[in-house]
Amino acid sequence: MCTSVYTLGRTEICEPPSLTAHAFPMPTICSFYGIVIRMYFAPGEHGPPHFHAYYNEFRATVSIRNPEILDGLLPPKQRKLTLAWAELHQAELLAN
């Protein structure tokens, strides 16, 4: 059962309920080179500040304060691009 279906490039992604447990959908805040960045903001609701990166069938949770992969997996090139993006936009991400 899918609770959320979205398209990344030509791939349709179906997220099971465990990945879409938020009361509100995560908005896409950026996309580049096929990588989609999503972030959900709810003060005090969960864990350290982070965002979610999606690339084809890969997904990862990325820390904002110390850009690193907290959970999940991205291919090496996309991992490097995502972490570089996180460093460039760190101040903006922490402000939101």
C-alpha atoms as a PDB file:
ATOM      1  CA  MET A   1       0.000   0.000   0.000  1.00  0.00           C
ATOM      2  CA  CYS A   2       1.309   3.438  -0.931  1.00  0.00           C
ATOM      3  CA  THR A   3       0.610   6.514   1.151  1.00  0.00           C
ATOM      4  CA  SER A   4       2.558   8.806  -1.156  1.00  0.00           C
ATOM      5  CA  VAL A   5       3.499   8.433  -4.797  1.00  0.00           C
ATOM      6  CA  TYR A   6       5.790  10.870  -6.560  1.00  0.00           C
ATOM      7  CA  THR A   7       7.983  10.870  -9.632  1.00  0.00           C
ATOM      8  CA  LEU A   8      11.762  11.266  -9.702  1.00  0.00           C
ATOM      9  CA  GLY A   9      12.793  11.587 -13.320  1.00  0.00           C
ATOM     10  CA  ARG A  10      11.128   8.649 -15.036  1.00  0.00           C
ATOM     11  CA  THR A  11      10.832   6.594 -11.857  1.00  0.00           C
ATOM     12  CA  GLU A  12       7.612   6.525  -9.859  1.00  0.00           C
ATOM     13  CA  ILE A  13       8.354   6.178  -6.159  1.00  0.00           C
ATOM     14  CA  CYS A  14       5.855   4.607  -3.782  1.00  0.00           C
ATOM     15  CA  GLU A  15       6.424   5.368  -0.110  1.00  0.00           C
ATOM     16  CA  PRO A  16       4.969   2.955   2.444  1.00  0.00           C
ATOM     17  CA  PRO A  17       3.189   4.391   5.508  1.00  0.00           C
ATOM     18  CA  SER A  18       6.318   4.188   7.693  1.00  0.00           C
ATOM     19  CA  LEU A  19       8.105   6.720   5.460  1.00  0.00           C
ATOM     20  CA  THR A  20       5.253   9.225   5.327  1.00  0.00           C
ATOM     21  CA  ALA A  21       4.197   9.361   8.958  1.00  0.00           C
ATOM     22  CA  HIS A  22       4.207  13.163   9.078  1.00  0.00           C
ATOM     23  CA  ALA A  23       0.940  15.040   9.537  1.00  0.00           C
ATOM     24  CA  PHE A  24       1.902  17.167   6.541  1.00  0.00           C
ATOM     25  CA  PRO A  25       3.773  16.095   3.384  1.00  0.00           C
ATOM     26  CA  MET A  26       7.439  17.042   3.153  1.00  0.00           C
ATOM     27  CA  PRO A  27       7.850  19.870   0.658  1.00  0.00           C
ATOM     28  CA  THR A  28      10.578  19.709  -1.955  1.00  0.00           C
ATOM     29  CA  ILE A  29      12.998  22.549  -1.258  1.00  0.00           C
ATOM     30  CA  CYS A  30      15.521  21.896  -4.033  1.00  0.00           C
ATOM     31  CA  SER A  31      16.387  19.545  -6.873  1.00  0.00           C
ATOM     32  CA  PHE A  32      19.614  19.253  -8.844  1.00  0.00           C
ATOM     33  CA  TYR A  33      21.248  16.566 -11.003  1.00  0.00           C
ATOM     34  CA  GLY A  34      18.310  14.235 -10.330  1.00  0.00           C
ATOM     35  CA  ILE A  35      18.631  14.623  -6.540  1.00  0.00           C
ATOM     36  CA  VAL A  36      15.507  15.824  -4.743  1.00  0.00           C
ATOM     37  CA  ILE A  37      15.847  17.515  -1.336  1.00  0.00           C
ATOM     38  CA  ARG A  38      12.864  17.534   1.010  1.00  0.00           C
ATOM     39  CA  MET A  39      12.536  18.982   4.476  1.00  0.00           C
ATOM     40  CA  TYR A  40       9.792  18.867   7.067  1.00  0.00           C
ATOM     41  CA  PHE A  41       9.831  21.489   9.818  1.00  0.00           C
ATOM     42  CA  ALA A  42       8.086  20.979  13.139  1.00  0.00           C
ATOM     43  CA  PRO A  43       9.840  22.539  16.153  1.00  0.00           C
ATOM     44  CA  GLY A  44      10.609  20.015  18.884  1.00  0.00           C
ATOM     45  CA  GLU A  45       8.938  17.168  17.020  1.00  0.00           C
ATOM     46  CA  HIS A  46      11.869  14.923  16.195  1.00  0.00           C
ATOM     47  CA  GLY A  47      15.627  14.422  16.181  1.00  0.00           C
ATOM     48  CA  PRO A  48      18.486  16.666  15.157  1.00  0.00           C
ATOM     49  CA  PRO A  49      17.889  19.077  12.248  1.00  0.00           C
ATOM     50  CA  HIS A  50      18.014  17.114   9.015  1.00  0.00           C
ATOM     51  CA  PHE A  51      16.682  16.875   5.482  1.00  0.00           C
ATOM     52  CA  HIS A  52      15.904  13.972   3.181  1.00  0.00           C
ATOM     53  CA  ALA A  53      17.667  13.395  -0.152  1.00  0.00           C
ATOM     54  CA  TYR A  54      16.185  11.160  -2.872  1.00  0.00           C
ATOM     55  CA  TYR A  55      17.892   9.891  -5.989  1.00  0.00           C
ATOM     56  CA  ASN A  56      16.124   7.234  -8.075  1.00  0.00           C
ATOM     57  CA  GLU A  57      15.539   4.310  -5.695  1.00  0.00           C
ATOM     58  CA  PHE A  58      18.018   5.684  -3.126  1.00  0.00           C
ATOM     59  CA  ARG A  59      17.143   7.845  -0.138  1.00  0.00           C
ATOM     60  CA  ALA A  60      19.114   9.270   2.755  1.00  0.00           C
ATOM     61  CA  THR A  61      18.595  11.389   5.847  1.00  0.00           C
ATOM     62  CA  VAL A  62      21.263  14.093   6.093  1.00  0.00           C
ATOM     63  CA  SER A  63      22.274  16.062   9.191  1.00  0.00           C
ATOM     64  CA  ILE A  64      22.272  19.841   8.760  1.00  0.00           C
ATOM     65  CA  ARG A  65      24.532  20.902  11.666  1.00  0.00           C
ATOM     66  CA  ASN A  66      27.336  18.533  10.667  1.00  0.00           C
ATOM     67  CA  PRO A  67      26.579  17.522   7.068  1.00  0.00           C
ATOM     68  CA  GLU A  68      26.732  13.733   7.062  1.00  0.00           C
ATOM     69  CA  ILE A  69      24.456  10.836   6.171  1.00  0.00           C
ATOM     70  CA  LEU A  70      22.495   9.820   9.273  1.00  0.00           C
ATOM     71  CA  ASP A  71      20.510   7.040   7.647  1.00  0.00           C
ATOM     72  CA  GLY A  72      20.052   5.536   4.206  1.00  0.00           C
ATOM     73  CA  LEU A  73      22.268   5.389   1.167  1.00  0.00           C
ATOM     74  CA  LEU A  74      23.110   7.443  -1.922  1.00  0.00           C
ATOM     75  CA  PRO A  75      25.502   6.500  -4.737  1.00  0.00           C
ATOM     76  CA  PRO A  76      28.999   8.004  -4.175  1.00  0.00           C
ATOM     77  CA  LYS A  77      28.655  10.868  -6.705  1.00  0.00           C
ATOM     78  CA  GLN A  78      25.200  11.882  -5.441  1.00  0.00           C
ATOM     79  CA  ARG A  79      26.366  11.559  -1.820  1.00  0.00           C
ATOM     80  CA  LYS A  80      29.240  13.975  -2.518  1.00  0.00           C
ATOM     81  CA  LEU A  81      26.940  16.454  -4.319  1.00  0.00           C
ATOM     82  CA  THR A  82      24.325  16.289  -1.542  1.00  0.00           C
ATOM     83  CA  LEU A  83      26.852  16.877   1.246  1.00  0.00           C
ATOM     84  CA  ALA A  84      28.428  19.768  -0.690  1.00  0.00           C
ATOM     85  CA  TRP A  85      24.955  21.275  -1.190  1.00  0.00           C
ATOM     86  CA  ALA A  86      24.275  20.886   2.551  1.00  0.00           C
ATOM     87  CA  GLU A  87      27.473  22.770   3.418  1.00  0.00           C
ATOM     88  CA  LEU A  88      26.678  25.587   0.979  1.00  0.00           C
ATOM     89  CA  HIS A  89      23.135  26.001   2.331  1.00  0.00           C
ATOM     90  CA  GLN A  90      23.756  25.166   5.999  1.00  0.00           C
ATOM     91  CA  ALA A  91      22.899  28.648   7.372  1.00  0.00           C
ATOM     92  CA  GLU A  92      19.657  28.812   5.360  1.00  0.00           C
ATOM     93  CA  LEU A  93      18.642  25.311   6.407  1.00  0.00           C
ATOM     94  CA  LEU A  94      19.278  25.979  10.093  1.00  0.00           C
ATOM     95  CA  ALA A  95      17.284  29.223   9.874  1.00  0.00           C
ATOM     96  CA  ASN A  96      14.288  27.270   8.612  1.00  0.00           C
END
